[in-house]
């Protein structure tokens, strides 16, 4: 059985565009915080209408307050997401080291 997401508008399957993208995390139970938490998932895109979705989440959000050793990296990811204009960023575009 094909489990790829389906675009109801185009009646076609989405294609995986990029693995390991980060988005800002917030929902009705846990609103987005200023210092930022991120979720890691996979970017899928409809080949016809180009609609994008991010699915396939990691087990938990990356929270800079809960991961002090990775705080700088997580905050650089948040800054890159905010500057992307897309609402997401590929993790391989953000250096784990400062500078």
PDB file of N, CA and C in Angstrom:
ATOM      1  N   UNK A   1       0.831  -1.182   0.000  1.00  0.00           N
ATOM      2  CA  UNK A   1       0.000   0.000   0.000  1.00  0.00           C
ATOM      3  C   UNK A   1       0.879   1.251   0.000  1.00  0.00           C
ATOM      4  N   UNK A   2       0.540   2.195  -0.837  1.00  0.00           N
ATOM      5  CA  UNK A   2       1.281   3.450  -0.938  1.00  0.00           C
ATOM      6  C   UNK A   2       0.835   4.378   0.187  1.00  0.00           C
ATOM      7  N   UNK A   3       1.757   4.749   1.054  1.00  0.00           N
ATOM      8  CA  UNK A   3       1.414   5.581   2.217  1.00  0.00           C
ATOM      9  C   UNK A   3       1.831   7.036   2.061  1.00  0.00           C
ATOM     10  N   UNK A   4       2.272   7.427   0.857  1.00  0.00           N
ATOM     11  CA  UNK A   4       2.632   8.829   0.648  1.00  0.00           C
ATOM     12  C   UNK A   4       1.392   9.710   0.800  1.00  0.00           C
ATOM     13  N   UNK A   5       1.582  10.951   1.267  1.00  0.00           N
ATOM     14  CA  UNK A   5       0.444  11.875   1.367  1.00  0.00           C
ATOM     15  C   UNK A   5      -0.183  12.099  -0.007  1.00  0.00           C
ATOM     16  N   UNK A   6      -1.459  12.421   0.002  1.00  0.00           N
ATOM     17  CA  UNK A   6      -2.236  12.578  -1.229  1.00  0.00           C
ATOM     18  C   UNK A   6      -2.765  14.004  -1.317  1.00  0.00           C
ATOM     19  N   UNK A   7      -2.600  14.646  -2.458  1.00  0.00           N
ATOM     20  CA  UNK A   7      -3.125  15.992  -2.668  1.00  0.00           C
ATOM     21  C   UNK A   7      -4.557  15.874  -3.202  1.00  0.00           C
ATOM     22  N   UNK A   8      -5.555  16.249  -2.401  1.00  0.00           N
ATOM     23  CA  UNK A   8      -6.932  16.100  -2.852  1.00  0.00           C
ATOM     24  C   UNK A   8      -7.285  17.051  -4.002  1.00  0.00           C
ATOM     25  N   UNK A   9      -6.599  18.178  -4.074  1.00  0.00           N
ATOM     26  CA  UNK A   9      -6.883  19.139  -5.136  1.00  0.00           C
ATOM     27  C   UNK A   9      -6.410  18.611  -6.497  1.00  0.00           C
ATOM     28  N   UNK A  10      -5.222  18.024  -6.539  1.00  0.00           N
ATOM     29  CA  UNK A  10      -4.638  17.559  -7.807  1.00  0.00           C
ATOM     30  C   UNK A  10      -4.870  16.071  -8.052  1.00  0.00           C
ATOM     31  N   UNK A  11      -5.308  15.371  -7.006  1.00  0.00           N
ATOM     32  CA  UNK A  11      -5.543  13.929  -7.079  1.00  0.00           C
ATOM     33  C   UNK A  11      -4.266  13.176  -7.474  1.00  0.00           C
ATOM     34  N   UNK A  12      -3.200  13.548  -6.793  1.00  0.00           N
ATOM     35  CA  UNK A  12      -1.910  12.899  -7.020  1.00  0.00           C
ATOM     36  C   UNK A  12      -1.164  12.771  -5.695  1.00  0.00           C
ATOM     37  N   UNK A  13      -0.139  11.955  -5.670  1.00  0.00           N
ATOM     38  CA  UNK A  13       0.663  11.748  -4.465  1.00  0.00           C
ATOM     39  C   UNK A  13       1.736  12.820  -4.330  1.00  0.00           C
ATOM     40  N   UNK A  14       1.983  13.223  -3.093  1.00  0.00           N
ATOM     41  CA  UNK A  14       3.104  14.117  -2.804  1.00  0.00           C
ATOM     42  C   UNK A  14       4.407  13.361  -3.019  1.00  0.00           C
ATOM     43  N   UNK A  15       5.480  14.108  -3.220  1.00  0.00           N
ATOM     44  CA  UNK A  15       6.829  13.518  -3.315  1.00  0.00           C
ATOM     45  C   UNK A  15       7.680  14.112  -2.206  1.00  0.00           C
ATOM     46  N   UNK A  16       8.547  13.276  -1.635  1.00  0.00           N
ATOM     47  CA  UNK A  16       9.436  13.770  -0.590  1.00  0.00           C
ATOM     48  C   UNK A  16      10.476  14.675  -1.236  1.00  0.00           C
ATOM     49  N   UNK A  17      10.491  15.914  -0.796  1.00  0.00           N
ATOM     50  CA  UNK A  17      11.377  16.924  -1.352  1.00  0.00           C
ATOM     51  C   UNK A  17      12.691  17.012  -0.574  1.00  0.00           C
ATOM     52  N   UNK A  18      12.611  16.888   0.768  1.00  0.00           N
ATOM     53  CA  UNK A  18      13.806  17.035   1.608  1.00  0.00           C
ATOM     54  C   UNK A  18      13.566  16.385   2.965  1.00  0.00           C
ATOM     55  N   UNK A  19      14.499  15.566   3.388  1.00  0.00           N
ATOM     56  CA  UNK A  19      14.457  15.007   4.736  1.00  0.00           C
ATOM     57  C   UNK A  19      15.110  15.986   5.702  1.00  0.00           C
ATOM     58  N   UNK A  20      14.706  15.897   6.952  1.00  0.00           N
ATOM     59  CA  UNK A  20      15.265  16.697   8.038  1.00  0.00           C
ATOM     60  C   UNK A  20      15.145  18.201   7.807  1.00  0.00           C
ATOM     61  N   UNK A  21      13.914  18.669   7.840  1.00  0.00           N
ATOM     62  CA  UNK A  21      13.670  20.104   7.860  1.00  0.00           C
ATOM     63  C   UNK A  21      13.137  20.456   9.242  1.00  0.00           C
ATOM     64  N   UNK A  22      13.390  21.671   9.653  1.00  0.00           N
ATOM     65  CA  UNK A  22      12.961  22.135  10.971  1.00  0.00           C
ATOM     66  C   UNK A  22      11.886  23.194  10.800  1.00  0.00           C
ATOM     67  N   UNK A  23      10.860  23.134  11.652  1.00  0.00           N
ATOM     68  CA  UNK A  23       9.833  24.166  11.699  1.00  0.00           C
ATOM     69  C   UNK A  23       9.691  24.633  13.140  1.00  0.00           C
ATOM     70  N   UNK A  24       9.194  25.856  13.326  1.00  0.00           N
ATOM     71  CA  UNK A  24       8.910  26.343  14.689  1.00  0.00           C
ATOM     72  C   UNK A  24       7.763  25.531  15.239  1.00  0.00           C
ATOM     73  N   UNK A  25       7.833  25.211  16.524  1.00  0.00           N
ATOM     74  CA  UNK A  25       6.820  24.375  17.148  1.00  0.00           C
ATOM     75  C   UNK A  25       5.915  25.183  18.042  1.00  0.00           C
ATOM     76  N   UNK A  26       4.635  25.020  17.846  1.00  0.00           N
ATOM     77  CA  UNK A  26       3.623  25.622  18.703  1.00  0.00           C
ATOM     78  C   UNK A  26       2.265  25.059  18.311  1.00  0.00           C
ATOM     79  N   UNK A  27       1.407  24.843  19.269  1.00  0.00           N
ATOM     80  CA  UNK A  27       0.042  24.399  18.985  1.00  0.00           C
ATOM     81  C   UNK A  27      -0.878  24.907  20.080  1.00  0.00           C
ATOM     82  N   UNK A  28      -2.126  24.507  20.026  1.00  0.00           N
ATOM     83  CA  UNK A  28      -3.088  25.022  21.006  1.00  0.00           C
ATOM     84  C   UNK A  28      -2.739  24.606  22.431  1.00  0.00           C
ATOM     85  N   UNK A  29      -2.048  23.489  22.600  1.00  0.00           N
ATOM     86  CA  UNK A  29      -1.659  23.042  23.938  1.00  0.00           C
ATOM     87  C   UNK A  29      -0.362  23.685  24.413  1.00  0.00           C
ATOM     88  N   UNK A  30       0.460  24.092  23.483  1.00  0.00           N
ATOM     89  CA  UNK A  30       1.769  24.655  23.814  1.00  0.00           C
ATOM     90  C   UNK A  30       2.109  25.735  22.799  1.00  0.00           C
ATOM     91  N   UNK A  31       1.667  26.950  23.047  1.00  0.00           N
ATOM     92  CA  UNK A  31       1.891  28.028  22.077  1.00  0.00           C
ATOM     93  C   UNK A  31       3.376  28.232  21.775  1.00  0.00           C
ATOM     94  N   UNK A  32       3.643  28.693  20.566  1.00  0.00           N
ATOM     95  CA  UNK A  32       5.013  28.986  20.149  1.00  0.00           C
ATOM     96  C   UNK A  32       5.624  29.993  21.109  1.00  0.00           C
ATOM     97  N   UNK A  33       6.835  29.706  21.543  1.00  0.00           N
ATOM     98  CA  UNK A  33       7.502  30.591  22.493  1.00  0.00           C
ATOM     99  C   UNK A  33       8.511  31.458  21.771  1.00  0.00           C
ATOM    100  N   UNK A  34       8.795  32.603  22.350  1.00  0.00           N
ATOM    101  CA  UNK A  34       9.723  33.542  21.732  1.00  0.00           C
ATOM    102  C   UNK A  34      11.106  32.930  21.532  1.00  0.00           C
ATOM    103  N   UNK A  35      11.583  32.162  22.524  1.00  0.00           N
ATOM    104  CA  UNK A  35      12.929  31.603  22.392  1.00  0.00           C
ATOM    105  C   UNK A  35      12.949  30.404  21.465  1.00  0.00           C
ATOM    106  N   UNK A  36      11.811  29.851  21.144  1.00  0.00           N
ATOM    107  CA  UNK A  36      11.690  28.886  20.061  1.00  0.00           C
ATOM    108  C   UNK A  36      12.005  27.456  20.398  1.00  0.00           C
ATOM    109  N   UNK A  37      11.078  26.617  20.049  1.00  0.00           N
ATOM    110  CA  UNK A  37      11.288  25.181  19.991  1.00  0.00           C
ATOM    111  C   UNK A  37      11.069  24.785  18.538  1.00  0.00           C
ATOM    112  N   UNK A  38      11.729  23.738  18.107  1.00  0.00           N
ATOM    113  CA  UNK A  38      11.579  23.304  16.718  1.00  0.00           C
ATOM    114  C   UNK A  38      11.239  21.823  16.670  1.00  0.00           C
ATOM    115  N   UNK A  39      10.519  21.448  15.630  1.00  0.00           N
ATOM    116  CA  UNK A  39      10.239  20.054  15.324  1.00  0.00           C
ATOM    117  C   UNK A  39      10.968  19.713  14.032  1.00  0.00           C
ATOM    118  N   UNK A  40      11.439  18.476  13.953  1.00  0.00           N
ATOM    119  CA  UNK A  40      12.150  18.011  12.771  1.00  0.00           C
ATOM    120  C   UNK A  40      11.253  17.014  12.042  1.00  0.00           C
ATOM    121  N   UNK A  41      11.083  17.211  10.762  1.00  0.00           N
ATOM    122  CA  UNK A  41      10.256  16.318   9.951  1.00  0.00           C
ATOM    123  C   UNK A  41      10.777  16.299   8.524  1.00  0.00           C
ATOM    124  N   UNK A  42       9.962  15.778   7.618  1.00  0.00           N
ATOM    125  CA  UNK A  42      10.321  15.680   6.205  1.00  0.00           C
ATOM    126  C   UNK A  42       9.392  16.568   5.381  1.00  0.00           C
ATOM    127  N   UNK A  43       9.971  17.280   4.424  1.00  0.00           N
ATOM    128  CA  UNK A  43       9.208  18.168   3.544  1.00  0.00           C
ATOM    129  C   UNK A  43       8.713  17.373   2.338  1.00  0.00           C
ATOM    130  N   UNK A  44       7.400  17.411   2.132  1.00  0.00           N
ATOM    131  CA  UNK A  44       6.767  16.764   0.982  1.00  0.00           C
ATOM    132  C   UNK A  44       6.127  17.847   0.132  1.00  0.00           C
ATOM    133  N   UNK A  45       6.118  17.624  -1.197  1.00  0.00           N
ATOM    134  CA  UNK A  45       5.584  18.633  -2.111  1.00  0.00           C
ATOM    135  C   UNK A  45       4.735  17.952  -3.182  1.00  0.00           C
ATOM    136  N   UNK A  46       3.592  18.576  -3.497  1.00  0.00           N
ATOM    137  CA  UNK A  46       2.762  18.094  -4.595  1.00  0.00           C
ATOM    138  C   UNK A  46       3.468  18.457  -5.899  1.00  0.00           C
ATOM    139  N   UNK A  47       3.674  17.490  -6.796  1.00  0.00           N
ATOM    140  CA  UNK A  47       4.379  17.801  -8.041  1.00  0.00           C
ATOM    141  C   UNK A  47       3.574  18.704  -8.980  1.00  0.00           C
ATOM    142  N   UNK A  48       2.265  18.793  -8.763  1.00  0.00           N
ATOM    143  CA  UNK A  48       1.436  19.598  -9.659  1.00  0.00           C
ATOM    144  C   UNK A  48       1.205  21.013  -9.125  1.00  0.00           C
ATOM    145  N   UNK A  49       0.571  21.152  -7.957  1.00  0.00           N
ATOM    146  CA  UNK A  49       0.232  22.483  -7.435  1.00  0.00           C
ATOM    147  C   UNK A  49       1.330  23.074  -6.548  1.00  0.00           C
ATOM    148  N   UNK A  50       2.345  22.267  -6.213  1.00  0.00           N
ATOM    149  CA  UNK A  50       3.505  22.695  -5.405  1.00  0.00           C
ATOM    150  C   UNK A  50       3.181  22.955  -3.937  1.00  0.00           C
ATOM    151  N   UNK A  51       1.996  22.519  -3.455  1.00  0.00           N
ATOM    152  CA  UNK A  51       1.682  22.646  -2.036  1.00  0.00           C
ATOM    153  C   UNK A  51       2.715  21.849  -1.243  1.00  0.00           C
ATOM    154  N   UNK A  52       3.148  22.413  -0.116  1.00  0.00           N
ATOM    155  CA  UNK A  52       4.147  21.757   0.719  1.00  0.00           C
ATOM    156  C   UNK A  52       3.549  21.409   2.076  1.00  0.00           C
ATOM    157  N   UNK A  53       3.968  20.250   2.604  1.00  0.00           N
ATOM    158  CA  UNK A  53       3.611  19.843   3.954  1.00  0.00           C
ATOM    159  C   UNK A  53       4.855  19.266   4.616  1.00  0.00           C
ATOM    160  N   UNK A  54       4.907  19.346   5.933  1.00  0.00           N
ATOM    161  CA  UNK A  54       5.997  18.743   6.702  1.00  0.00           C
ATOM    162  C   UNK A  54       5.362  17.708   7.614  1.00  0.00           C
ATOM    163  N   UNK A  55       5.807  16.456   7.480  1.00  0.00           N
ATOM    164  CA  UNK A  55       5.274  15.343   8.272  1.00  0.00           C
ATOM    165  C   UNK A  55       6.425  14.433   8.686  1.00  0.00           C
ATOM    166  N   UNK A  56       6.109  13.408   9.481  1.00  0.00           N
ATOM    167  CA  UNK A  56       7.118  12.437   9.899  1.00  0.00           C
ATOM    168  C   UNK A  56       7.978  12.956  11.024  1.00  0.00           C
ATOM    169  N   UNK A  57       7.333  13.492  12.056  1.00  0.00           N
ATOM    170  CA  UNK A  57       8.016  14.190  13.137  1.00  0.00           C
ATOM    171  C   UNK A  57       8.983  13.321  13.924  1.00  0.00           C
ATOM    172  N   UNK A  58      10.007  13.976  14.423  1.00  0.00           N
ATOM    173  CA  UNK A  58      10.878  13.354  15.416  1.00  0.00           C
ATOM    174  C   UNK A  58      10.051  13.135  16.688  1.00  0.00           C
ATOM    175  N   UNK A  59      10.557  12.383  17.620  1.00  0.00           N
ATOM    176  CA  UNK A  59       9.773  11.987  18.802  1.00  0.00           C
ATOM    177  C   UNK A  59       9.449  13.143  19.732  1.00  0.00           C
ATOM    178  N   UNK A  60      10.243  14.218  19.693  1.00  0.00           N
ATOM    179  CA  UNK A  60       9.982  15.346  20.605  1.00  0.00           C
ATOM    180  C   UNK A  60      10.562  16.626  20.003  1.00  0.00           C
ATOM    181  N   UNK A  61      10.001  17.781  20.373  1.00  0.00           N
ATOM    182  CA  UNK A  61      10.573  19.036  19.881  1.00  0.00           C
ATOM    183  C   UNK A  61      11.942  19.301  20.501  1.00  0.00           C
ATOM    184  N   UNK A  62      12.745  20.049  19.778  1.00  0.00           N
ATOM    185  CA  UNK A  62      14.018  20.516  20.316  1.00  0.00           C
ATOM    186  C   UNK A  62      13.737  21.835  21.008  1.00  0.00           C
ATOM    187  N   UNK A  63      13.974  21.890  22.289  1.00  0.00           N
ATOM    188  CA  UNK A  63      13.679  23.075  23.093  1.00  0.00           C
ATOM    189  C   UNK A  63      14.990  23.600  23.661  1.00  0.00           C
ATOM    190  N   UNK A  64      15.346  24.856  23.375  1.00  0.00           N
ATOM    191  CA  UNK A  64      16.627  25.383  23.871  1.00  0.00           C
ATOM    192  C   UNK A  64      16.714  25.433  25.385  1.00  0.00           C
ATOM    193  N   UNK A  65      15.574  25.479  26.065  1.00  0.00           N
ATOM    194  CA  UNK A  65      15.589  25.518  27.528  1.00  0.00           C
ATOM    195  C   UNK A  65      15.777  24.136  28.144  1.00  0.00           C
ATOM    196  N   UNK A  66      15.417  23.104  27.395  1.00  0.00           N
ATOM    197  CA  UNK A  66      15.565  21.739  27.901  1.00  0.00           C
ATOM    198  C   UNK A  66      16.856  21.090  27.430  1.00  0.00           C
ATOM    199  N   UNK A  67      17.522  21.703  26.472  1.00  0.00           N
ATOM    200  CA  UNK A  67      18.772  21.164  25.916  1.00  0.00           C
ATOM    201  C   UNK A  67      19.850  22.245  25.975  1.00  0.00           C
ATOM    202  N   UNK A  68      20.326  22.595  27.186  1.00  0.00           N
ATOM    203  CA  UNK A  68      21.263  23.719  27.295  1.00  0.00           C
ATOM    204  C   UNK A  68      22.550  23.532  26.494  1.00  0.00           C
ATOM    205  N   UNK A  69      22.979  22.300  26.305  1.00  0.00           N
ATOM    206  CA  UNK A  69      24.195  22.050  25.535  1.00  0.00           C
ATOM    207  C   UNK A  69      24.036  22.369  24.055  1.00  0.00           C
ATOM    208  N   UNK A  70      22.810  22.340  23.560  1.00  0.00           N
ATOM    209  CA  UNK A  70      22.521  22.621  22.152  1.00  0.00           C
ATOM    210  C   UNK A  70      21.790  23.943  21.962  1.00  0.00           C
ATOM    211  N   UNK A  71      21.714  24.742  23.004  1.00  0.00           N
ATOM    212  CA  UNK A  71      20.933  25.985  22.955  1.00  0.00           C
ATOM    213  C   UNK A  71      21.327  26.893  21.783  1.00  0.00           C
ATOM    214  N   UNK A  72      22.603  27.114  21.600  1.00  0.00           N
ATOM    215  CA  UNK A  72      23.053  27.982  20.515  1.00  0.00           C
ATOM    216  C   UNK A  72      22.652  27.458  19.149  1.00  0.00           C
ATOM    217  N   UNK A  73      22.816  26.161  18.951  1.00  0.00           N
ATOM    218  CA  UNK A  73      22.438  25.530  17.676  1.00  0.00           C
ATOM    219  C   UNK A  73      20.940  25.662  17.433  1.00  0.00           C
ATOM    220  N   UNK A  74      20.129  25.374  18.439  1.00  0.00           N
ATOM    221  CA  UNK A  74      18.675  25.457  18.294  1.00  0.00           C
ATOM    222  C   UNK A  74      18.259  26.891  17.988  1.00  0.00           C
ATOM    223  N   UNK A  75      18.849  27.861  18.668  1.00  0.00           N
ATOM    224  CA  UNK A  75      18.502  29.260  18.419  1.00  0.00           C
ATOM    225  C   UNK A  75      18.941  29.711  17.027  1.00  0.00           C
ATOM    226  N   UNK A  76      20.056  29.170  16.496  1.00  0.00           N
ATOM    227  CA  UNK A  76      20.450  29.467  15.117  1.00  0.00           C
ATOM    228  C   UNK A  76      19.442  28.878  14.132  1.00  0.00           C
ATOM    229  N   UNK A  77      18.916  27.696  14.443  1.00  0.00           N
ATOM    230  CA  UNK A  77      17.876  27.097  13.601  1.00  0.00           C
ATOM    231  C   UNK A  77      16.629  27.974  13.600  1.00  0.00           C
ATOM    232  N   UNK A  78      16.208  28.417  14.787  1.00  0.00           N
ATOM    233  CA  UNK A  78      15.026  29.284  14.899  1.00  0.00           C
ATOM    234  C   UNK A  78      15.236  30.563  14.092  1.00  0.00           C
ATOM    235  N   UNK A  79      16.404  31.163  14.210  1.00  0.00           N
ATOM    236  CA  UNK A  79      16.699  32.394  13.477  1.00  0.00           C
ATOM    237  C   UNK A  79      16.654  32.139  11.966  1.00  0.00           C
ATOM    238  N   UNK A  80      17.179  31.010  11.521  1.00  0.00           N
ATOM    239  CA  UNK A  80      17.161  30.674  10.092  1.00  0.00           C
ATOM    240  C   UNK A  80      15.733  30.445   9.599  1.00  0.00           C
ATOM    241  N   UNK A  81      14.910  29.780  10.420  1.00  0.00           N
ATOM    242  CA  UNK A  81      13.503  29.566  10.049  1.00  0.00           C
ATOM    243  C   UNK A  81      12.812  30.913   9.903  1.00  0.00           C
ATOM    244  N   UNK A  82      12.989  31.788  10.883  1.00  0.00           N
ATOM    245  CA  UNK A  82      12.336  33.096  10.856  1.00  0.00           C
ATOM    246  C   UNK A  82      12.771  33.924   9.647  1.00  0.00           C
ATOM    247  N   UNK A  83      14.002  33.763   9.221  1.00  0.00           N
ATOM    248  CA  UNK A  83      14.507  34.514   8.079  1.00  0.00           C
ATOM    249  C   UNK A  83      14.253  33.865   6.730  1.00  0.00           C
ATOM    250  N   UNK A  84      13.734  32.648   6.737  1.00  0.00           N
ATOM    251  CA  UNK A  84      13.575  31.909   5.479  1.00  0.00           C
ATOM    252  C   UNK A  84      12.412  32.396   4.622  1.00  0.00           C
ATOM    253  N   UNK A  85      11.389  32.951   5.264  1.00  0.00           N
ATOM    254  CA  UNK A  85      10.201  33.340   4.525  1.00  0.00           C
ATOM    255  C   UNK A  85       9.317  32.164   4.133  1.00  0.00           C
ATOM    256  N   UNK A  86       9.728  30.954   4.492  1.00  0.00           N
ATOM    257  CA  UNK A  86       8.972  29.748   4.146  1.00  0.00           C
ATOM    258  C   UNK A  86       8.348  29.077   5.357  1.00  0.00           C
ATOM    259  N   UNK A  87       8.876  29.371   6.535  1.00  0.00           N
ATOM    260  CA  UNK A  87       8.379  28.705   7.739  1.00  0.00           C
ATOM    261  C   UNK A  87       9.131  27.435   8.079  1.00  0.00           C
ATOM    262  N   UNK A  88      10.140  27.091   7.293  1.00  0.00           N
ATOM    263  CA  UNK A  88      10.963  25.918   7.573  1.00  0.00           C
ATOM    264  C   UNK A  88      12.360  26.158   7.027  1.00  0.00           C
ATOM    265  N   UNK A  89      13.297  25.317   7.446  1.00  0.00           N
ATOM    266  CA  UNK A  89      14.672  25.387   6.955  1.00  0.00           C
ATOM    267  C   UNK A  89      15.249  23.971   6.967  1.00  0.00           C
ATOM    268  N   UNK A  90      16.057  23.643   5.977  1.00  0.00           N
ATOM    269  CA  UNK A  90      16.750  22.358   5.950  1.00  0.00           C
ATOM    270  C   UNK A  90      17.854  22.373   6.998  1.00  0.00           C
ATOM    271  N   UNK A  91      17.938  21.322   7.805  1.00  0.00           N
ATOM    272  CA  UNK A  91      18.944  21.291   8.870  1.00  0.00           C
ATOM    273  C   UNK A  91      20.366  21.359   8.336  1.00  0.00           C
ATOM    274  N   UNK A  92      20.601  20.832   7.142  1.00  0.00           N
ATOM    275  CA  UNK A  92      21.966  20.852   6.615  1.00  0.00           C
ATOM    276  C   UNK A  92      22.412  22.264   6.206  1.00  0.00           C
ATOM    277  N   UNK A  93      21.534  23.257   6.322  1.00  0.00           N
ATOM    278  CA  UNK A  93      21.887  24.642   6.017  1.00  0.00           C
ATOM    279  C   UNK A  93      22.319  25.424   7.252  1.00  0.00           C
ATOM    280  N   UNK A  94      22.239  24.798   8.431  1.00  0.00           N
ATOM    281  CA  UNK A  94      22.579  25.486   9.674  1.00  0.00           C
ATOM    282  C   UNK A  94      23.761  24.764  10.315  1.00  0.00           C
ATOM    283  N   UNK A  95      24.821  25.490  10.526  1.00  0.00           N
ATOM    284  CA  UNK A  95      26.029  24.902  11.127  1.00  0.00           C
ATOM    285  C   UNK A  95      25.796  24.600  12.597  1.00  0.00           C
ATOM    286  N   UNK A  96      26.322  23.470  13.048  1.00  0.00           N
ATOM    287  CA  UNK A  96      26.217  23.122  14.464  1.00  0.00           C
ATOM    288  C   UNK A  96      27.201  23.945  15.294  1.00  0.00           C
ATOM    289  N   UNK A  97      28.192  24.521  14.636  1.00  0.00           N
ATOM    290  CA  UNK A  97      29.182  25.333  15.342  1.00  0.00           C
ATOM    291  C   UNK A  97      28.899  26.803  15.097  1.00  0.00           C
ATOM    292  N   UNK A  98      29.159  27.619  16.107  1.00  0.00           N
ATOM    293  CA  UNK A  98      28.955  29.060  15.959  1.00  0.00           C
ATOM    294  C   UNK A  98      29.983  29.624  14.995  1.00  0.00           C
ATOM    295  N   UNK A  99      29.559  30.704  14.323  1.00  0.00           N
ATOM    296  CA  UNK A  99      30.497  31.401  13.473  1.00  0.00           C
ATOM    297  C   UNK A  99      30.235  31.290  12.049  1.00  0.00           C
TER     298      UNK A  99
END
